[in-house]
Amino acid sequence: ALATRPAGTDALTTLRDFIVTSAHQKTELDKRLSKLIAADETLASHQRARIAALRDLLAGAIAQDLGVGPDDLQPQVAAASLTAALETLERQERWPSTPAPADIADAIDPIIAFVRAGLQALPEQR
């Protein structure tokens, strides 16, 4: 979704829209698989590596939006915040068993707003 986003659409909006339109498709099997992964340290380690790759991808996209390098503090902190928040939502299952897109939006929108505010609060690196 980030690679094919329309011109003028920022990474946070793209991520939000992707999550809202796809997260409700999670099946009962997906939920069982998540619990199995969480219970096994080897599988959890592999999942953490995938989350780190997602964090790097997000940092790069946010950096591009900001016109800074991917190692700049702003995109790094924003991406780390996003991935941590998404992991927390996943663990806490903050929506009904079969969530509607509106349920997902209600959970994710405050997180996106939090990250946007954080980006404004962090100073640009020089």
Protein backbone atom coordinates (compact mmCIF):
# COMPACT_ATOMS: atom_id res chain seq x y z
CA ALA A 1 0.00 0.00 0.00
CA LEU A 2 2.85 2.40 0.81
CA ALA A 3 4.64 1.67 -2.46
CA THR A 4 1.54 2.32 -4.57
CA ARG A 5 0.01 5.22 -2.66
CA PRO A 6 -1.32 8.08 -4.74
CA ALA A 7 0.76 11.23 -5.01
CA GLY A 8 -0.06 13.60 -2.18
CA THR A 9 -1.21 10.85 0.19
CA ASP A 10 1.04 10.61 3.22
CA ALA A 11 2.27 7.37 4.77
CA LEU A 12 0.14 7.70 7.91
CA THR A 13 -3.06 8.12 5.92
CA THR A 14 -2.11 5.22 3.66
CA LEU A 15 -1.37 2.97 6.62
CA ARG A 16 -4.60 3.95 8.37
CA ASP A 17 -6.69 3.30 5.27
CA PHE A 18 -4.97 -0.05 4.65
CA ILE A 19 -5.60 -1.20 8.22
CA VAL A 20 -9.23 -0.05 8.24
CA THR A 21 -10.02 -1.76 4.93
CA SER A 22 -8.17 -5.02 5.57
CA ALA A 23 -8.13 -5.78 9.31
CA HIS A 24 -11.79 -6.84 9.38
CA GLN A 25 -10.86 -9.71 7.05
CA LYS A 26 -8.97 -11.45 9.84
CA THR A 27 -10.37 -14.93 10.32
CA GLU A 28 -10.69 -17.09 13.41
CA LEU A 29 -7.72 -19.08 12.09
CA ASP A 30 -5.66 -15.88 11.96
CA LYS A 31 -6.54 -15.18 15.59
CA ARG A 32 -5.56 -18.70 16.65
CA LEU A 33 -2.31 -18.39 14.74
CA SER A 34 -1.52 -15.12 16.55
CA LYS A 35 -2.02 -16.83 19.92
CA LEU A 36 0.17 -19.75 18.85
CA ILE A 37 2.95 -17.39 17.76
CA ALA A 38 2.75 -15.45 21.02
CA ALA A 39 3.08 -18.69 23.00
CA ASP A 40 6.22 -19.90 21.20
CA GLU A 41 9.45 -17.94 21.69
CA THR A 42 10.96 -18.99 18.35
CA LEU A 43 7.88 -17.97 16.41
CA ALA A 44 7.58 -14.77 18.43
CA SER A 45 11.20 -13.96 17.60
CA HIS A 46 10.48 -14.34 13.88
CA GLN A 47 7.42 -12.13 14.26
CA ARG A 48 9.52 -9.45 15.98
CA ALA A 49 11.92 -9.55 13.02
CA ARG A 50 9.01 -9.00 10.63
CA ILE A 51 7.76 -6.12 12.78
CA ALA A 52 11.26 -4.59 12.67
CA ALA A 53 11.16 -4.81 8.87
CA LEU A 54 7.75 -3.09 8.91
CA ARG A 55 9.12 -0.39 11.22
CA ASP A 56 11.97 0.27 8.76
CA LEU A 57 9.54 0.41 5.83
CA LEU A 58 7.31 2.87 7.69
CA ALA A 59 10.28 5.00 8.73
CA GLY A 60 11.38 5.25 5.11
CA ALA A 61 7.92 6.25 3.92
CA ILE A 62 7.48 8.83 6.70
CA ALA A 63 10.96 10.20 6.01
CA GLN A 64 10.04 10.60 2.37
CA ASP A 65 6.91 12.55 3.38
CA LEU A 66 8.97 14.81 5.63
CA GLY A 67 11.80 15.26 3.16
CA VAL A 68 14.37 13.92 5.62
CA GLY A 69 16.61 10.88 5.72
CA PRO A 70 15.22 7.55 6.97
CA ASP A 71 17.60 7.66 9.95
CA ASP A 72 16.26 11.03 11.11
CA LEU A 73 14.76 11.04 14.60
CA GLN A 74 11.24 12.01 13.47
CA PRO A 75 10.51 9.07 11.13
CA GLN A 76 12.31 6.61 13.40
CA VAL A 77 10.30 7.57 16.48
CA ALA A 78 7.05 7.74 14.51
CA ALA A 79 7.57 4.29 13.00
CA ALA A 80 8.58 2.81 16.36
CA SER A 81 5.50 4.33 17.98
CA LEU A 82 3.23 3.00 15.26
CA THR A 83 4.54 -0.54 15.36
CA ALA A 84 4.43 -0.62 19.17
CA ALA A 85 0.85 0.66 19.17
CA LEU A 86 -0.25 -1.82 16.50
CA GLU A 87 1.31 -4.68 18.45
CA THR A 88 -0.50 -3.52 21.58
CA LEU A 89 -3.85 -3.38 19.74
CA GLU A 90 -3.24 -6.85 18.38
CA ARG A 91 -2.44 -8.29 21.80
CA GLN A 92 -5.36 -6.60 23.52
CA GLU A 93 -7.86 -7.37 20.76
CA ARG A 94 -9.51 -3.99 21.24
CA TRP A 95 -12.37 -4.65 18.85
CA PRO A 96 -15.23 -7.13 18.56
CA SER A 97 -14.51 -10.63 17.23
CA THR A 98 -15.79 -9.60 13.79
CA PRO A 99 -15.03 -5.89 13.68
CA ALA A 100 -16.55 -3.55 11.16
CA PRO A 101 -14.28 -1.01 9.49
CA ALA A 102 -15.79 1.66 11.80
CA ASP A 103 -14.66 -0.35 14.87
CA ILE A 104 -11.16 -0.57 13.47
CA ALA A 105 -11.13 3.14 12.62
CA ASP A 106 -12.22 3.95 16.19
CA ALA A 107 -9.22 2.02 17.49
CA ILE A 108 -6.62 3.23 15.00
CA ASP A 109 -7.53 6.90 14.51
CA PRO A 110 -6.34 8.05 17.97
CA ILE A 111 -3.02 6.28 17.36
CA ILE A 112 -2.52 8.03 14.03
CA ALA A 113 -3.40 11.36 15.67
CA PHE A 114 -0.91 10.62 18.46
CA VAL A 115 1.88 9.92 15.95
CA ARG A 116 1.06 13.04 13.92
CA ALA A 117 1.26 15.15 17.09
CA GLY A 118 4.54 13.47 18.00
CA LEU A 119 6.01 14.29 14.61
CA GLN A 120 5.19 17.95 15.17
CA ALA A 121 6.67 17.89 18.68
CA LEU A 122 10.02 16.40 17.67
CA PRO A 123 12.66 18.81 16.46
CA GLU A 124 14.15 18.34 13.03
CA GLN A 125 17.70 17.01 13.07
CA ARG A 126 20.33 19.25 11.66
